[in-house]
Structure formats: structure tokens, C-alpha cells
Protein backbone atom coordinates (compact mmCIF):
# COMPACT_ATOMS: atom_id res chain seq x y z
CA MET A 1 133.48 96.65 182.88
CA PRO A 2 133.10 99.14 179.99
CA SER A 3 136.17 100.24 178.05
CA ILE A 4 137.88 103.55 178.74
CA ARG A 5 136.96 104.72 175.24
CA ALA A 6 133.27 103.93 175.77
CA LEU A 7 133.22 105.72 179.14
CA VAL A 8 134.90 108.84 177.80
CA TYR A 9 132.65 109.07 174.76
CA HIS A 10 129.59 108.54 176.95
CA ASN A 11 130.68 111.16 179.50
CA LEU A 12 131.41 113.71 176.78
CA SER A 13 128.04 113.03 175.14
CA GLN A 14 126.18 113.62 178.40
CA LEU A 15 128.08 116.81 179.18
CA LEU A 16 127.59 118.30 175.72
CA ASP A 17 123.90 117.36 175.76
CA ALA A 18 123.58 119.20 179.08
CA GLY A 19 124.98 122.36 177.48
CA VAL A 20 128.48 122.28 179.03
CA PRO A 21 131.06 124.06 176.79
CA ILE A 22 133.21 121.64 174.82
CA ILE A 23 136.58 122.55 176.38
CA ARG A 24 135.21 122.11 179.88
CA SER A 25 133.44 118.92 178.77
CA LEU A 26 136.70 117.46 177.44
CA ASP A 27 138.46 118.16 180.73
CA SER A 28 135.63 116.63 182.73
CA ALA A 29 134.82 113.64 180.49
CA ALA A 30 138.05 111.79 181.26
CA ALA A 31 138.39 113.00 184.86
CA GLY A 32 139.23 110.19 187.26
CA LEU A 33 139.97 107.72 184.45
CA ARG A 34 143.38 106.21 183.80
CA GLY A 35 145.08 105.11 180.63
CA GLY A 36 146.71 106.65 177.59
CA PHE A 37 143.42 107.24 175.80
CA SER A 38 141.90 109.28 178.64
CA GLY A 39 145.07 111.38 178.86
CA ARG A 40 145.08 111.96 175.13
CA PHE A 41 141.41 112.92 175.30
CA ARG A 42 142.11 115.63 177.86
CA SER A 43 144.84 117.05 175.61
CA LEU A 44 142.23 117.70 172.91
CA ALA A 45 141.04 120.68 174.92
CA GLN A 46 144.35 122.47 174.30
CA ASP A 47 144.07 121.96 170.54
CA ILE A 48 140.47 123.19 170.50
CA SER A 49 141.42 126.27 172.52
CA SER A 50 143.95 126.98 169.73
CA GLY A 51 141.15 127.08 167.18
CA ASP A 52 140.77 123.47 166.02
CA SER A 53 137.45 121.69 165.80
CA LEU A 54 137.07 118.46 167.78
CA ALA A 55 137.52 116.35 164.62
CA GLU A 56 140.64 118.32 163.60
CA ALA A 57 142.11 117.86 167.06
CA MET A 58 141.36 114.11 167.01
CA ALA A 59 143.00 113.77 163.59
CA LYS A 60 146.30 114.87 165.12
CA TYR A 61 146.40 111.63 167.14
CA PRO A 62 145.79 108.80 164.64
CA GLN A 63 147.11 106.22 167.10
CA ALA A 64 144.39 107.10 169.60
CA PHE A 65 141.39 107.82 167.38
CA LYS A 66 140.16 105.65 164.54
CA PRO A 67 139.40 107.20 161.11
CA LEU A 68 135.70 106.33 161.34
CA ASP A 69 135.44 108.01 164.76
CA ILE A 70 137.04 111.17 163.37
CA THR A 71 134.76 111.24 160.32
CA LEU A 72 131.64 110.69 162.40
CA VAL A 73 132.63 113.48 164.79
CA LYS A 74 133.39 115.80 161.87
CA THR A 75 130.02 115.23 160.23
CA ALA A 76 128.25 115.43 163.60
CA GLU A 77 129.83 118.82 164.29
CA ASN A 78 128.52 120.08 160.95
CA SER A 79 125.03 118.71 161.54
CA GLY A 80 124.76 119.60 165.23
CA ASN A 81 124.29 115.97 166.29
CA LEU A 82 127.56 115.55 168.19
CA PRO A 83 126.08 114.22 171.49
CA GLY A 84 124.05 111.58 169.65
CA VAL A 85 126.99 110.39 167.55
CA LEU A 86 129.29 110.21 170.58
CA GLU A 87 126.67 108.18 172.44
CA GLY A 88 126.45 105.83 169.46
CA LEU A 89 130.22 105.37 169.45
CA ALA A 90 130.16 104.76 173.20
CA GLY A 91 127.56 102.03 172.72
CA TRP A 92 129.64 100.30 170.04
CA TYR A 93 132.87 100.27 172.10
CA ASP A 94 131.00 99.13 175.19
CA PHE A 95 129.44 96.27 173.21
CA ARG A 96 132.83 95.27 171.75
CA GLU A 97 134.44 95.27 175.19
CA LYS A 98 131.70 93.05 176.62
CA ILE A 99 132.28 90.52 173.85
CA ARG A 100 136.04 90.56 174.44
CA GLN A 101 135.64 90.05 178.18
CA LYS A 102 133.14 87.23 177.65
CA PHE A 103 135.57 85.40 175.36
CA ILE A 104 138.51 85.84 177.75
CA SER A 105 136.52 84.69 180.78
CA ALA A 106 135.35 81.62 178.86
CA MET A 107 138.95 80.67 178.05
CA ILE A 108 140.55 81.04 181.49
CA LEU A 109 139.37 77.73 182.96
CA PRO A 110 140.06 75.62 179.83
CA VAL A 111 143.61 76.97 179.63
CA LEU A 112 144.20 76.16 183.31
CA ILE A 113 142.84 72.64 182.81
CA LEU A 114 145.02 72.24 179.72
CA HIS A 115 148.11 72.99 181.80
CA LEU A 116 146.90 70.67 184.56
CA GLY A 117 146.34 67.92 182.00
CA ALA A 118 149.88 68.38 180.69
CA PHE A 119 151.22 67.47 184.15
CA LEU A 120 148.70 64.69 184.85
CA ALA A 121 148.84 62.78 181.54
CA PRO A 122 152.41 61.41 181.92
CA LEU A 123 152.20 61.15 185.73
CA PRO A 124 151.23 57.43 185.83
CA PHE A 125 154.37 56.52 183.86
CA LEU A 126 156.51 58.50 186.31
CA LEU A 127 154.92 56.74 189.30
CA MET A 128 155.43 53.30 187.69
CA GLY A 129 159.07 54.05 187.01
CA HIS A 130 158.77 54.03 183.22
CA LEU A 131 159.86 57.66 183.10
CA SER A 132 162.61 59.50 184.93
CA THR A 133 161.89 62.93 186.37
CA GLY A 134 163.70 64.56 183.45
CA GLN A 135 161.73 62.54 180.90
CA TYR A 136 158.47 63.38 182.68
CA LEU A 137 159.21 67.12 182.61
CA TRP A 138 160.23 66.86 178.96
CA GLN A 139 156.88 65.32 178.05
CA VAL A 140 155.11 68.12 179.92
CA VAL A 141 157.11 70.71 177.99
CA VAL A 142 156.44 68.99 174.66
CA PHE A 143 152.70 68.80 175.37
CA LEU A 144 152.48 72.48 176.30
CA SER A 145 154.70 73.51 173.39
CA TYR A 146 151.98 72.38 170.97
CA PHE A 147 149.57 74.80 172.63
CA TYR A 148 152.00 77.74 172.74
CA LEU A 149 153.31 77.18 169.22
CA ALA A 150 149.76 76.99 167.87
CA THR A 151 148.86 80.18 169.74
CA LEU A 152 151.98 81.90 168.41
CA ALA A 153 151.25 80.75 164.85
CA ILE A 154 147.69 82.07 165.07
CA GLY A 155 148.96 85.39 166.43
CA VAL A 156 151.56 85.77 163.68
CA PHE A 157 149.05 84.83 160.99
CA TYR A 158 146.55 87.34 162.39
CA TYR A 159 149.20 90.09 162.45
CA LEU A 160 150.25 89.38 158.86
CA SER A 161 146.61 89.21 157.75
CA ARG A 162 146.18 92.85 158.81
CA LYS A 163 149.16 93.77 156.60
CA ILE A 164 148.62 91.50 153.57
CA ASP A 165 145.21 91.65 151.89
CA ILE A 166 145.19 88.09 150.55
CA LEU A 167 145.97 86.66 153.99
CA GLY A 168 143.31 88.87 155.55
CA HIS A 169 140.75 87.60 153.08
CA ILE A 170 141.72 83.98 153.79
CA LEU A 171 141.52 84.48 157.56
CA ASP A 172 138.16 86.25 157.38
CA GLU A 173 136.76 83.51 155.15
CA MET A 174 138.02 80.79 157.51
CA ILE A 175 136.38 82.52 160.47
CA LEU A 176 133.04 82.73 158.67
CA MET A 177 133.19 78.98 157.94
CA MET A 178 133.48 78.07 161.63
CA PRO A 179 130.33 76.70 163.32
CA LEU A 180 128.51 79.28 165.48
CA LEU A 181 131.45 81.71 165.43
CA GLY A 182 131.03 82.34 161.70
CA LYS A 183 127.38 83.31 162.04
CA ALA A 184 128.16 85.41 165.12
CA ILE A 185 130.85 87.34 163.22
CA LEU A 186 128.48 87.79 160.25
CA HIS A 187 125.85 89.34 162.51
CA LEU A 188 128.49 91.42 164.29
CA CYS A 189 129.67 92.82 160.95
CA LEU A 190 126.12 93.57 159.84
CA ASN A 191 125.54 95.31 163.17
CA ARG A 192 128.62 97.44 162.64
CA PHE A 193 127.62 98.29 159.05
CA SER A 194 124.05 99.18 160.02
CA GLN A 195 125.04 101.23 163.05
CA SER A 196 127.73 103.16 161.13
CA LEU A 197 125.34 103.82 158.25
CA GLN A 198 122.67 105.09 160.62
CA LEU A 199 125.05 107.46 162.40
CA LEU A 200 126.43 108.77 159.11
CA LEU A 201 123.00 109.30 157.54
CA LYS A 202 121.72 111.08 160.67
CA SER A 203 124.76 113.36 160.38
CA ALA A 204 123.69 114.29 156.82
CA VAL A 205 126.55 112.49 155.10
CA PRO A 206 125.80 111.77 151.40
CA ILE A 207 124.61 108.21 150.98
CA THR A 208 127.47 107.22 148.68
CA VAL A 209 130.05 108.35 151.22
CA ALA A 210 128.06 106.87 154.11
CA ALA A 211 127.74 103.47 152.42
CA ASP A 212 131.45 103.42 151.55
CA MET A 213 132.52 104.21 155.12
CA ALA A 214 130.02 101.78 156.62
CA CYS A 215 131.48 99.00 154.44
CA GLU A 216 134.97 99.76 155.74
CA ALA A 217 133.66 99.60 159.31
CA THR A 218 132.59 95.95 159.06
CA GLY A 219 136.07 94.62 159.92
CA ASN A 220 135.73 91.53 157.71
CA LYS A 221 136.92 91.63 154.10
CA VAL A 222 134.50 88.93 152.93
CA ILE A 223 131.47 90.68 154.41
CA GLU A 224 132.76 94.03 153.16
CA LYS A 225 132.88 92.63 149.61
CA MET A 226 129.29 91.38 149.95
CA LEU A 227 128.19 94.89 150.95
CA ARG A 228 130.49 96.88 148.67
CA GLY A 229 128.18 96.50 145.66
CA ALA A 230 125.77 98.90 147.37
CA VAL A 231 128.23 101.75 146.85
CA LYS A 232 128.46 101.08 143.12
CA SER A 233 124.67 100.71 142.93
CA VAL A 234 124.07 104.12 144.49
CA GLN A 235 126.75 105.73 142.31
CA ALA A 236 124.95 104.30 139.27
CA GLY A 237 121.69 105.91 140.38
CA ASN A 238 120.08 102.76 141.72
CA SER A 239 118.95 101.88 145.25
CA LEU A 240 121.32 100.81 147.98
CA SER A 241 119.69 97.43 148.51
CA GLU A 242 120.03 96.45 144.85
CA GLY A 243 123.81 96.29 145.22
CA PHE A 244 123.91 93.99 148.24
CA SER A 245 124.99 90.39 147.68
CA ARG A 246 122.06 87.99 147.56
CA ASN A 247 124.00 85.76 149.97
CA LEU A 248 123.27 88.16 152.82
CA PRO A 249 120.40 87.28 155.20
CA PRO A 250 116.95 87.83 153.61
CA GLU A 251 115.73 89.95 156.54
CA PHE A 252 118.72 92.28 156.07
CA LEU A 253 117.99 92.76 152.36
CA GLU A 254 114.25 93.19 152.90
CA SER A 255 114.62 95.72 155.72
CA PHE A 256 116.88 97.95 153.63
CA ARG A 257 114.57 97.66 150.63
CA ILE A 258 111.56 98.74 152.72
CA GLY A 259 113.59 101.49 154.39
CA GLU A 260 114.44 102.97 151.02
CA GLU A 261 110.89 102.69 149.73
CA THR A 262 109.48 104.48 152.78
CA GLY A 263 112.24 107.08 152.94
CA LYS A 264 113.30 105.91 156.40
CA LEU A 265 116.63 104.30 155.59
CA ASP A 266 118.34 105.54 158.76
CA GLU A 267 115.56 104.07 160.92
CA ALA A 268 115.79 100.73 159.10
CA ALA A 269 119.56 100.71 159.62
CA GLY A 270 119.14 101.49 163.32
CA ARG A 271 116.58 98.73 163.75
CA LEU A 272 118.86 96.20 162.03
CA ALA A 273 121.79 97.36 164.17
CA ARG A 274 119.83 96.54 167.33
CA ILE A 275 118.66 93.18 165.98
CA TYR A 276 122.13 92.05 164.95
CA LYS A 277 123.68 93.36 168.14
CA ASP A 278 121.43 91.09 170.19
CA SER A 279 121.83 88.07 167.90
CA SER A 280 125.63 88.36 167.65
CA GLN A 281 125.90 88.67 171.43
CA MET A 282 123.71 85.59 171.88
CA LEU A 283 125.64 83.53 169.31
CA LEU A 284 128.99 84.54 170.75
CA GLY A 285 127.72 83.61 174.19
CA ILE A 286 126.77 80.13 172.94
CA PHE A 287 130.15 79.79 171.22
CA CYS A 288 131.93 80.74 174.44
CA GLN A 289 129.93 78.05 176.26
CA TRP A 290 130.80 75.31 173.77
CA LEU A 291 134.45 76.20 173.21
CA PRO A 292 135.53 75.15 176.74
CA ILE A 293 133.55 71.90 176.35
CA PHE A 294 135.42 71.18 173.11
CA ILE A 295 138.75 71.79 174.85
CA TYR A 296 137.67 69.59 177.79
CA CYS A 297 136.91 66.78 175.34
CA LEU A 298 140.37 67.05 173.78
CA ILE A 299 142.00 66.96 177.21
CA SER A 300 139.81 64.00 178.23
CA LEU A 301 140.84 62.08 175.10
CA LYS A 302 144.48 62.76 175.92
CA MET A 303 143.97 61.51 179.49
CA ILE A 304 142.09 58.39 178.32
CA ALA A 305 144.89 57.61 175.87
CA ALA A 306 147.43 57.94 178.70
CA ILE A 307 145.39 55.61 180.91
CA PHE A 308 145.23 52.95 178.19
CA ARG A 309 148.96 53.26 177.59
CA ALA A 310 149.60 52.84 181.31
CA TYR A 311 147.27 49.82 181.42
CA ALA A 312 149.06 48.27 178.44
CA MET A 313 152.43 48.72 180.14
CA ILE A 314 151.15 47.20 183.38
CA SER A 315 149.69 44.21 181.52
CA SER A 316 152.93 43.77 179.63
CA SER A 317 154.92 43.89 182.85
CA TYR A 318 152.76 41.20 184.48
CA GLY A 319 152.95 39.08 181.35
CA ASN A 320 156.74 39.02 181.50
CA ILE A 321 156.80 37.77 185.09
């Protein structure tokens, strides 16, 4: 199911492209949709009727609209490419929502099995009388507490990483080091950079500003640093591709170099955005397939250990007879 944001941006793009006036388009784009974002979107019509541009109206609600969205809309209004930019934003949010839903759906069954395993692992000891009911329930609580405490710790660390730069850099680097997930996130970041750069360049944003904003859009501080040299390179009068880190994928570097040489940088960025969109989705899909298997293995090891413990107790009991 696409996100509310993606649906609203898509609807507005289609209405504007069909020639519907913007105030009427805003009222119609979110019609029938629920949620705070759709309600906030409809309120933009009132601000525009008071004389604001769409970007100016969006800037009044920073909690609802991201800075990059506002900047893209502002430049698109100036260049006359508003429907195309909105459709690009809709595609990005739809893609992000699909990834989120895929990850959540992949985790539901492992989490259920984890809870089931917490109750089954100490069950043999309860049936053999080695544990009282209270002791059995305590072991279940202790087993599950590891899971919930680890989840809480990850959540707190993630929250702090968004506030403290050094923690954010550490977290982003750790993610990139993970098998499969690291490469998927790398490709996802390169997709976001390429797509943002394409939209900005098509909206006639100066390349220095476009490159700077596209770097910020990556969402990963390590990848952003690898791309950030491009901004300094352009400011120094050199090509964009000369400033990229050599640790980036060769096809990424080569495509941008050719795009600059042929004068079709926006097309090269759009082509890379599509390539990395497909590859990141594929890699994340594989990761979501293997993550449950990894969790199943951990639960199986826990169950096997419990079986051996129960066998050892039974053997000990017979040996004492």
C-alpha cells in the first residue's frame, strides 16, 4: 500500500498536469484520504489563496514537509516543472514505503516464533518438575527481556544518533559493514542522491546548490562524506565526478563522468537512480529473506540447548536411582 504522502503528491501532479488550477488541485489531491498529512495538505490551499506560493505555504509546516521537498517545489515553480517534480517525489516516497512494509512483513513471523520459543524452551523442565510455575514464568520473562532490552537499546541509540553527529556517523558506518544490508543501504543512498540531483538539475538549480542538497538527501553520513567532495570540486571549477570518493562503485563514477562529458548529467543521474532503485530493492528483499532464517537458527540453538539440558537432568536422575 503506498504512503499517504506518495498518493497526495501523485494526485496533485496528475491534476496540475491536466491543467486544474492549483487551489482546486490541492483540495482534490487529498480528498478521501485520512491522516494528518492529507489534512495539512488541504490547508495549503488557504495559504495560497492568501498570496503564498506552494513552496512558501509548505514552509509554514516544517513538521509535515521536509526541507528537500520544499526546495524542490520552489525550484519547480520557478522552472515550470512542478508536475514532474511532484511525480518524482511521489515515486521516492512510494519506494520507501514498499521497503518499510517489506521489512516489517519479514519480521512478523520471526518475532512470533521468538515469543513461542520463550515459552517452549523451559517447558520440559516444568513438566519434569525441575521448575515451579513461578520459576518457569520467570525464565520466560528473562528470555524475552533480552529481546525487548536489545530492541529498546537499538531504538535509543538510533534516536541519539539523529541528535549527535558522532553517534550518527558510528551507526551509519556499522550499518554499511553489515552483510547484504550494507550494500543495499549504499545503493539506496546512491539512488536518493541521483534522483535528487536529477530533479534539481531539471528544475534549473545551479549545480553547486544541487550537488549540496543531493548529498544531504542521502540519509547516511558516511555516504554523504564520500559524495561531498563533488561540491568542493564544482566550486573549484572542476567537474562533479572528480570530487567523488574513489571508494564509490566504478559504474557510478563512470556514468557521472560520461554524463558530464556529453552534457547530459541529468539523464545520467536519472539512469543511475533507476539502476540503484532496482538493485537496492533486490538486495533488501534478499536481506529480508535471510534475516528470519538467522533468527530461526538462533531460536533452534536455544531449543537444542534446552533439550540437551533436559536430557542431562533425566540421565542424572536415573543415575541416582
